[in-house]
Amino acid sequence: MTRRTTLRLSLFLATVVPLAGCSVYGFTSALGGLTGNGQSVSDVATDRIFNVEGQIRLPQTLTTGRALHELPALTSLSPLMAVAPMAGVHVYGTTSLRQTQALGFGPGTVREAQIQFVDVTTGEVAATASTDPTGQYSARLVFKGTERPYIAQTVLRNQLNQVVGFLAAPLGVDVSTVGGKRARVDLTPGTTMVAFSSVLLTEAYPTFDLRTGFVGIKSQRLAAMVSTIPPAKLQSAASLLDQSRTLNQATTFDGLTSDTATASAVMTFQVRKLAMEALATDSLAAEAPGLNAALLGQMIERLSTLTSPPVVGSTQSFFEAIAQQVDLPLAKSEGDSIGGSLPVLPPLPSPTPADGLDVTFN
């Protein structure tokens, strides 16, 4: 390019671009240009930002004893496999494992613990955050479109890198409204119970292991489950679930993890029973992933409206009382719209849960 040509181009940009009311960046975009990292400018315009903050919350009975690095490893790293029969689901297969991390206790929480945000459509970690000395965290998620299903999780480890605890929370992101661009999501035993129920209702639960949690799990069905649970509804429902004597007064992480998994199995079984009723079938094994997603969403919504638990004893009767409030025709309609694109698994016979499950609500 000659000096005269360069001068003419400079004069053109100095004159035309301001008249067009755009920057050189915008002018490049109009020509289909690229950003500095090679991403199309037009693609950047479709990015959505979601801000999330919250806290890790644990029973005080768990955080006033020994230091986190001194805790013994969990005795079971596949808790959902143990409770699957009572959830009315069936084993479809197993997979391999990987690893994560954790650190120290504050009152009723965990300091400097890493939180991962797993995109369940890809199984990949989309973002990470660390809790401060009070257990609080904040993160920013960037993605395409207006909706995205994530699982927020933290894997707690001792000094030998052994898993000593696990917490998670479904995070159904919808930024189609201004109010939907920010949310609070605490990771508690109650939110973990809902996360466990979500994965029990999919083909993915046999692959679930506490060393990696939801990392590596890529499931359209799980994505549908998570998307039906708005963060605000989840927080209200979890506040109620965290009042249970078992979840609130656990003295060991082993006991807390086991009881959380058991409670999730009972809730899952109630969802399966509702699906059976909605489909007018006598088989718990009837495959209806869209309907299951809609029913789980309604169960969480009903829980979120309660200011105190129903006056019942066991977890089984507690979730039976919640299930009676579900609008089956509405759930069936929602399930039809959700399930159109979801893969259906072959039906398999499933056992029924045992009676007398001792998780009570105060």
Protein backbone atom coordinates (compact mmCIF):
# COMPACT_ATOMS: atom_id res chain seq x y z
CA MET A 1 0.00 0.00 0.00
CA THR A 2 1.43 3.39 -1.05
CA ARG A 3 1.74 6.32 1.31
CA ARG A 4 -0.95 8.20 -0.69
CA THR A 5 -3.37 5.21 -0.38
CA THR A 6 -2.72 4.97 3.37
CA LEU A 7 -3.44 8.70 3.77
CA ARG A 8 -6.70 8.39 1.85
CA LEU A 9 -7.82 5.41 3.99
CA SER A 10 -7.03 7.33 7.19
CA LEU A 11 -9.06 10.32 5.98
CA PHE A 12 -11.93 8.00 5.05
CA LEU A 13 -12.02 6.35 8.50
CA ALA A 14 -11.71 9.70 10.26
CA THR A 15 -14.64 11.10 8.26
CA VAL A 16 -17.05 8.24 7.52
CA VAL A 17 -16.93 6.26 10.76
CA PRO A 18 -17.93 9.16 13.07
CA LEU A 19 -20.70 10.12 10.63
CA ALA A 20 -21.98 6.55 10.77
CA GLY A 21 -22.19 6.86 14.56
CA CYS A 22 -19.99 3.83 15.29
CA SER A 23 -16.46 3.02 16.41
CA VAL A 24 -13.74 1.41 14.34
CA TYR A 25 -14.65 -1.77 16.27
CA GLY A 26 -18.23 -1.48 15.10
CA PHE A 27 -17.10 -0.70 11.54
CA THR A 28 -14.97 -3.85 11.55
CA SER A 29 -17.98 -5.79 12.81
CA ALA A 30 -20.06 -4.55 9.92
CA LEU A 31 -17.42 -6.00 7.58
CA GLY A 32 -17.67 -9.37 9.40
CA GLY A 33 -14.40 -8.88 11.26
CA LEU A 34 -12.94 -10.76 14.21
CA THR A 35 -12.07 -9.84 17.77
CA GLY A 36 -8.51 -10.12 19.04
CA ASN A 37 -8.99 -13.76 20.07
CA GLY A 38 -10.38 -14.80 16.70
CA GLN A 39 -14.04 -14.83 17.81
CA SER A 40 -16.51 -13.22 15.46
CA VAL A 41 -17.72 -9.84 16.72
CA SER A 42 -21.27 -10.84 15.85
CA ASP A 43 -20.84 -13.90 18.11
CA VAL A 44 -19.74 -11.69 21.03
CA ALA A 45 -23.01 -9.79 20.71
CA THR A 46 -24.94 -12.98 21.50
CA ASP A 47 -23.04 -13.72 24.74
CA ARG A 48 -25.11 -13.59 27.93
CA ILE A 49 -23.76 -12.89 31.42
CA PHE A 50 -25.23 -14.42 34.56
CA ASN A 51 -24.00 -13.35 38.01
CA VAL A 52 -24.35 -15.79 40.86
CA GLU A 53 -23.40 -15.54 44.52
CA GLY A 54 -24.04 -17.57 47.63
CA GLN A 55 -22.51 -19.45 50.51
CA ILE A 56 -21.58 -22.96 51.54
CA ARG A 57 -23.79 -23.77 54.52
CA LEU A 58 -23.36 -26.81 56.78
CA PRO A 59 -24.84 -27.91 60.10
CA GLN A 60 -22.97 -26.33 63.00
CA THR A 61 -22.55 -29.84 64.42
CA LEU A 62 -20.18 -30.61 61.54
CA THR A 63 -18.00 -27.51 61.70
CA THR A 64 -17.25 -27.23 65.42
CA GLY A 65 -15.17 -30.41 65.73
CA ARG A 66 -11.91 -31.36 64.07
CA ALA A 67 -10.30 -29.39 61.26
CA LEU A 68 -11.28 -30.28 57.72
CA HIS A 69 -7.82 -31.62 56.82
CA GLU A 70 -8.06 -34.13 59.70
CA LEU A 71 -11.40 -35.65 58.70
CA PRO A 72 -11.58 -39.31 57.61
CA ALA A 73 -12.40 -40.14 54.02
CA LEU A 74 -16.03 -40.95 53.15
CA THR A 75 -16.70 -44.67 53.23
CA SER A 76 -18.82 -44.57 50.05
CA LEU A 77 -18.04 -42.48 46.98
CA SER A 78 -21.06 -43.70 45.00
CA PRO A 79 -23.98 -42.97 47.37
CA LEU A 80 -26.62 -42.95 44.65
CA MET A 81 -25.87 -46.53 43.64
CA ALA A 82 -26.72 -47.60 47.19
CA VAL A 83 -30.11 -45.86 47.26
CA ALA A 84 -31.14 -46.38 43.61
CA PRO A 85 -33.34 -49.43 44.33
CA MET A 86 -35.52 -47.49 46.78
CA ALA A 87 -35.80 -44.62 44.25
CA GLY A 88 -37.48 -46.91 41.72
CA VAL A 89 -34.69 -46.51 39.15
CA HIS A 90 -32.44 -49.08 37.50
CA VAL A 91 -28.70 -49.43 36.87
CA TYR A 92 -27.74 -48.67 33.25
CA GLY A 93 -23.96 -48.82 33.48
CA THR A 94 -20.80 -47.41 35.14
CA THR A 95 -17.89 -45.20 34.12
CA SER A 96 -14.40 -44.04 35.14
CA LEU A 97 -13.42 -41.31 37.63
CA ARG A 98 -11.28 -38.18 38.06
CA GLN A 99 -10.44 -35.70 40.91
CA THR A 100 -11.02 -32.14 42.46
CA GLN A 101 -10.24 -30.29 45.93
CA ALA A 102 -11.17 -28.31 49.27
CA LEU A 103 -9.87 -26.48 52.57
CA GLY A 104 -10.88 -25.19 56.14
CA PHE A 105 -13.97 -24.62 58.35
CA GLY A 106 -15.67 -21.44 59.49
CA PRO A 107 -18.82 -21.45 61.67
CA GLY A 108 -21.33 -23.54 59.73
CA THR A 109 -19.44 -23.18 56.44
CA VAL A 110 -16.16 -23.83 54.58
CA ARG A 111 -13.43 -21.25 53.96
CA GLU A 112 -11.49 -21.06 50.70
CA ALA A 113 -13.28 -24.02 49.14
CA GLN A 114 -13.44 -24.27 45.37
CA ILE A 115 -16.88 -24.24 43.74
CA GLN A 116 -17.21 -25.59 40.21
CA PHE A 117 -20.02 -24.71 37.83
CA VAL A 118 -20.56 -27.75 35.62
CA ASP A 119 -22.43 -27.31 32.34
CA VAL A 120 -24.48 -30.52 32.25
CA THR A 121 -25.00 -30.27 28.48
CA THR A 122 -21.26 -30.75 27.99
CA GLY A 123 -20.06 -32.22 31.29
CA GLU A 124 -17.38 -29.53 31.45
CA VAL A 125 -16.51 -27.00 34.16
CA ALA A 126 -17.69 -23.64 32.79
CA ALA A 127 -16.36 -21.52 35.70
CA THR A 128 -14.93 -21.77 39.20
CA ALA A 129 -15.10 -19.64 42.33
CA SER A 130 -13.58 -19.79 45.82
CA THR A 131 -15.32 -19.04 49.08
CA ASP A 132 -13.97 -16.27 51.31
CA PRO A 133 -13.36 -16.61 55.09
CA THR A 134 -17.13 -16.43 55.70
CA GLY A 135 -17.95 -19.10 53.12
CA GLN A 136 -19.35 -16.60 50.60
CA TYR A 137 -18.57 -16.74 46.88
CA SER A 138 -19.45 -14.90 43.68
CA ALA A 139 -19.00 -15.87 40.04
CA ARG A 140 -19.86 -14.76 36.51
CA LEU A 141 -21.06 -17.22 33.87
CA VAL A 142 -20.89 -16.31 30.19
CA PHE A 143 -22.78 -18.33 27.58
CA LYS A 144 -24.77 -18.16 24.36
CA GLY A 145 -28.55 -17.83 24.28
CA THR A 146 -30.82 -17.10 27.24
CA GLU A 147 -30.92 -20.41 29.13
CA ARG A 148 -28.28 -22.77 30.49
CA PRO A 149 -28.33 -25.70 32.97
CA TYR A 150 -25.48 -25.87 35.48
CA ILE A 151 -24.69 -27.77 38.66
CA ALA A 152 -22.71 -25.84 41.28
CA GLN A 153 -20.63 -28.24 43.37
CA THR A 154 -17.81 -28.39 45.89
CA VAL A 155 -15.73 -31.47 46.71
CA LEU A 156 -14.20 -31.24 50.20
CA ARG A 157 -10.88 -33.02 50.74
CA ASN A 158 -8.52 -33.75 53.63
CA GLN A 159 -4.71 -33.42 53.63
CA LEU A 160 -4.38 -36.82 51.92
CA ASN A 161 -6.58 -35.55 49.05
CA GLN A 162 -9.34 -37.94 50.11
CA VAL A 163 -12.97 -36.87 49.69
CA VAL A 164 -14.48 -36.03 53.08
CA GLY A 165 -17.64 -34.20 51.97
CA PHE A 166 -19.67 -33.08 48.98
CA LEU A 167 -22.30 -30.38 48.36
CA ALA A 168 -24.09 -29.35 45.16
CA ALA A 169 -26.98 -27.27 43.84
CA PRO A 170 -28.87 -27.30 40.51
CA LEU A 171 -28.64 -23.95 38.75
CA GLY A 172 -31.24 -23.43 36.04
CA VAL A 173 -30.16 -20.14 34.43
CA ASP A 174 -32.67 -18.06 32.47
CA VAL A 175 -31.61 -14.52 31.56
CA SER A 176 -34.61 -13.74 29.35
CA THR A 177 -35.69 -11.15 31.95
CA VAL A 178 -33.70 -8.47 33.76
CA GLY A 179 -34.39 -10.12 37.12
CA GLY A 180 -33.09 -13.44 35.83
CA LYS A 181 -29.54 -12.18 35.28
CA ARG A 182 -28.52 -12.53 38.91
CA ALA A 183 -29.28 -15.14 41.56
CA ARG A 184 -28.24 -16.39 44.97
CA VAL A 185 -27.47 -20.08 45.22
CA ASP A 186 -26.24 -21.50 48.52
CA LEU A 187 -24.77 -25.01 48.56
CA THR A 188 -26.47 -26.87 51.43
CA PRO A 189 -27.59 -30.41 52.28
CA GLY A 190 -31.06 -29.45 50.99
CA THR A 191 -29.80 -28.26 47.59
CA THR A 192 -27.59 -31.36 47.41
CA MET A 193 -30.62 -33.56 48.00
CA VAL A 194 -32.37 -31.92 45.02
CA ALA A 195 -29.22 -32.35 42.88
CA PHE A 196 -29.12 -36.04 43.83
CA SER A 197 -32.81 -36.44 42.93
CA SER A 198 -32.15 -34.77 39.57
CA VAL A 199 -29.44 -37.23 38.63
CA LEU A 200 -31.35 -40.25 39.98
CA LEU A 201 -34.11 -39.44 37.49
CA THR A 202 -31.65 -39.74 34.57
CA GLU A 203 -29.53 -42.40 32.96
CA ALA A 204 -26.44 -40.68 34.39
CA TYR A 205 -26.58 -41.63 38.07
CA PRO A 206 -24.45 -44.82 37.83
CA THR A 207 -21.59 -42.62 36.55
CA PHE A 208 -21.87 -40.30 39.56
CA ASP A 209 -18.90 -40.45 41.94
CA LEU A 210 -18.05 -37.96 44.67
CA ARG A 211 -14.45 -37.61 43.52
CA THR A 212 -15.62 -35.76 40.42
CA GLY A 213 -19.30 -35.13 41.16
CA PHE A 214 -21.05 -33.93 38.01
CA VAL A 215 -17.86 -33.26 36.02
CA GLY A 216 -17.87 -35.44 32.92
CA ILE A 217 -21.61 -36.17 33.11
CA LYS A 218 -23.16 -35.06 29.82
CA SER A 219 -26.91 -35.63 29.85
CA GLN A 220 -29.80 -34.00 28.02
CA ARG A 221 -32.18 -35.51 30.56
CA LEU A 222 -30.24 -34.03 33.49
CA ALA A 223 -30.17 -30.67 31.69
CA ALA A 224 -33.98 -30.82 31.45
CA MET A 225 -34.26 -31.61 35.18
CA VAL A 226 -32.02 -28.70 36.15
CA SER A 227 -33.80 -26.26 33.81
CA THR A 228 -37.15 -26.81 35.58
CA ILE A 229 -35.75 -25.57 38.92
CA PRO A 230 -35.38 -21.76 39.12
CA PRO A 231 -32.69 -20.65 41.63
CA ALA A 232 -35.12 -18.66 43.81
CA LYS A 233 -37.51 -21.63 44.13
CA LEU A 234 -34.62 -23.94 44.94
CA GLN A 235 -33.35 -21.67 47.72
CA SER A 236 -36.77 -21.49 49.37
CA ALA A 237 -37.28 -25.26 49.08
CA ALA A 238 -33.79 -26.01 50.40
CA SER A 239 -34.34 -23.76 53.42
CA LEU A 240 -37.23 -26.05 54.33
CA LEU A 241 -35.35 -29.27 53.62
CA ASP A 242 -32.41 -28.08 55.71
CA GLN A 243 -34.71 -28.00 58.75
CA SER A 244 -34.86 -31.79 58.82
CA ARG A 245 -33.38 -33.24 61.97
CA THR A 246 -31.13 -35.57 59.97
CA LEU A 247 -29.78 -32.90 57.64
CA ASN A 248 -29.50 -30.23 60.32
CA GLN A 249 -28.02 -32.28 63.14
CA ALA A 250 -25.67 -34.67 61.37
CA THR A 251 -22.50 -35.33 63.38
CA THR A 252 -20.39 -36.78 60.53
CA PHE A 253 -20.07 -36.08 56.83
CA ASP A 254 -20.50 -39.80 56.22
CA GLY A 255 -23.89 -39.71 57.94
CA LEU A 256 -24.89 -36.48 56.22
CA THR A 257 -24.02 -37.80 52.74
CA SER A 258 -25.80 -41.09 53.29
CA ASP A 259 -28.95 -39.48 54.69
CA THR A 260 -29.00 -36.84 51.94
CA ALA A 261 -28.81 -39.59 49.30
CA THR A 262 -31.55 -41.58 51.07
CA ALA A 263 -33.87 -38.55 51.25
CA SER A 264 -33.25 -37.87 47.56
CA ALA A 265 -34.22 -41.46 46.74
CA VAL A 266 -37.53 -41.08 48.59
CA MET A 267 -38.30 -37.84 46.73
CA THR A 268 -37.35 -39.52 43.45
CA PHE A 269 -39.67 -42.43 44.18
CA GLN A 270 -42.56 -40.01 44.71
CA VAL A 271 -41.81 -38.39 41.34
CA ARG A 272 -41.84 -41.84 39.72
CA LYS A 273 -45.15 -42.66 41.38
CA LEU A 274 -46.68 -39.41 40.13
CA ALA A 275 -45.44 -40.20 36.62
CA MET A 276 -47.01 -43.63 36.85
CA GLU A 277 -50.32 -42.04 37.85
CA ALA A 278 -50.16 -39.40 35.13
CA LEU A 279 -49.46 -42.05 32.49
CA ALA A 280 -52.17 -44.37 33.85
CA THR A 281 -49.74 -47.27 34.08
CA ASP A 282 -48.93 -49.75 36.84
CA SER A 283 -45.19 -49.77 36.07
CA LEU A 284 -42.69 -47.55 37.86
CA ALA A 285 -40.28 -48.26 35.01
CA ALA A 286 -42.34 -46.39 32.40
CA GLU A 287 -39.98 -43.98 30.63
CA ALA A 288 -41.11 -40.35 30.60
CA PRO A 289 -38.08 -38.05 31.02
CA GLY A 290 -39.96 -34.86 30.14
CA LEU A 291 -42.76 -35.67 32.58
CA ASN A 292 -40.25 -36.53 35.32
CA ALA A 293 -38.56 -33.16 34.80
CA ALA A 294 -41.88 -31.30 35.02
CA LEU A 295 -42.92 -33.24 38.13
CA LEU A 296 -39.62 -32.58 39.91
CA GLY A 297 -39.97 -28.88 39.10
CA GLN A 298 -43.49 -28.84 40.57
CA MET A 299 -42.33 -30.69 43.71
CA ILE A 300 -39.65 -28.03 44.27
CA GLU A 301 -42.16 -25.24 43.59
CA ARG A 302 -44.60 -26.67 46.17
CA LEU A 303 -41.81 -26.98 48.73
CA SER A 304 -40.78 -23.38 48.07
CA THR A 305 -44.22 -22.08 49.05
CA LEU A 306 -44.23 -23.68 52.51
CA THR A 307 -43.19 -21.72 55.57
CA SER A 308 -42.98 -24.88 57.68
CA PRO A 309 -42.96 -28.59 56.85
CA PRO A 310 -46.22 -30.58 56.86
CA VAL A 311 -46.86 -32.23 60.21
CA VAL A 312 -45.68 -35.73 59.28
CA GLY A 313 -43.10 -38.17 60.54
CA SER A 314 -40.86 -39.90 58.02
CA THR A 315 -39.40 -38.52 54.82
CA GLN A 316 -41.64 -40.88 52.86
CA SER A 317 -44.86 -39.43 54.30
CA PHE A 318 -43.40 -35.91 54.00
CA PHE A 319 -42.86 -36.19 50.26
CA GLU A 320 -46.17 -38.01 49.84
CA ALA A 321 -47.85 -34.93 51.33
CA ILE A 322 -45.98 -32.67 48.88
CA ALA A 323 -46.81 -34.98 45.95
CA GLN A 324 -50.54 -34.67 46.68
CA GLN A 325 -50.30 -30.95 45.83
CA VAL A 326 -48.87 -31.51 42.34
CA ASP A 327 -51.06 -30.56 39.37
CA LEU A 328 -50.81 -33.72 37.24
CA PRO A 329 -52.57 -32.39 34.09
CA LEU A 330 -50.29 -29.34 34.11
CA ALA A 331 -47.20 -31.50 34.67
CA LYS A 332 -48.24 -33.79 31.82
CA SER A 333 -48.66 -30.80 29.50
CA GLU A 334 -45.29 -29.37 30.55
CA GLY A 335 -43.70 -32.79 30.22
CA ASP A 336 -44.92 -33.16 26.64
CA SER A 337 -43.25 -29.88 25.68
CA ILE A 338 -40.02 -30.78 27.51
CA GLY A 339 -39.73 -34.39 26.41
CA GLY A 340 -39.90 -33.98 22.66
CA SER A 341 -36.13 -33.72 22.25
CA LEU A 342 -35.04 -35.99 25.10
CA PRO A 343 -33.66 -39.51 24.54
CA VAL A 344 -35.89 -42.28 25.89
CA LEU A 345 -34.32 -45.30 27.58
CA PRO A 346 -35.75 -48.82 27.38
CA PRO A 347 -38.09 -49.60 30.31
CA LEU A 348 -36.68 -51.90 32.96
CA PRO A 349 -38.30 -53.44 36.05
CA SER A 350 -37.63 -51.50 39.26
CA PRO A 351 -38.01 -52.51 42.91
CA THR A 352 -40.06 -50.45 45.37
CA PRO A 353 -38.47 -48.65 48.34
CA ALA A 354 -38.36 -50.09 51.80
CA ASP A 355 -40.62 -48.65 54.51
CA GLY A 356 -39.45 -46.94 57.68
CA LEU A 357 -36.85 -44.59 56.25
CA ASP A 358 -35.85 -42.50 59.24
CA VAL A 359 -35.36 -38.92 58.05
CA THR A 360 -37.73 -36.70 59.97
CA PHE A 361 -38.76 -33.08 59.65
CA ASN A 362 -39.20 -30.90 62.73
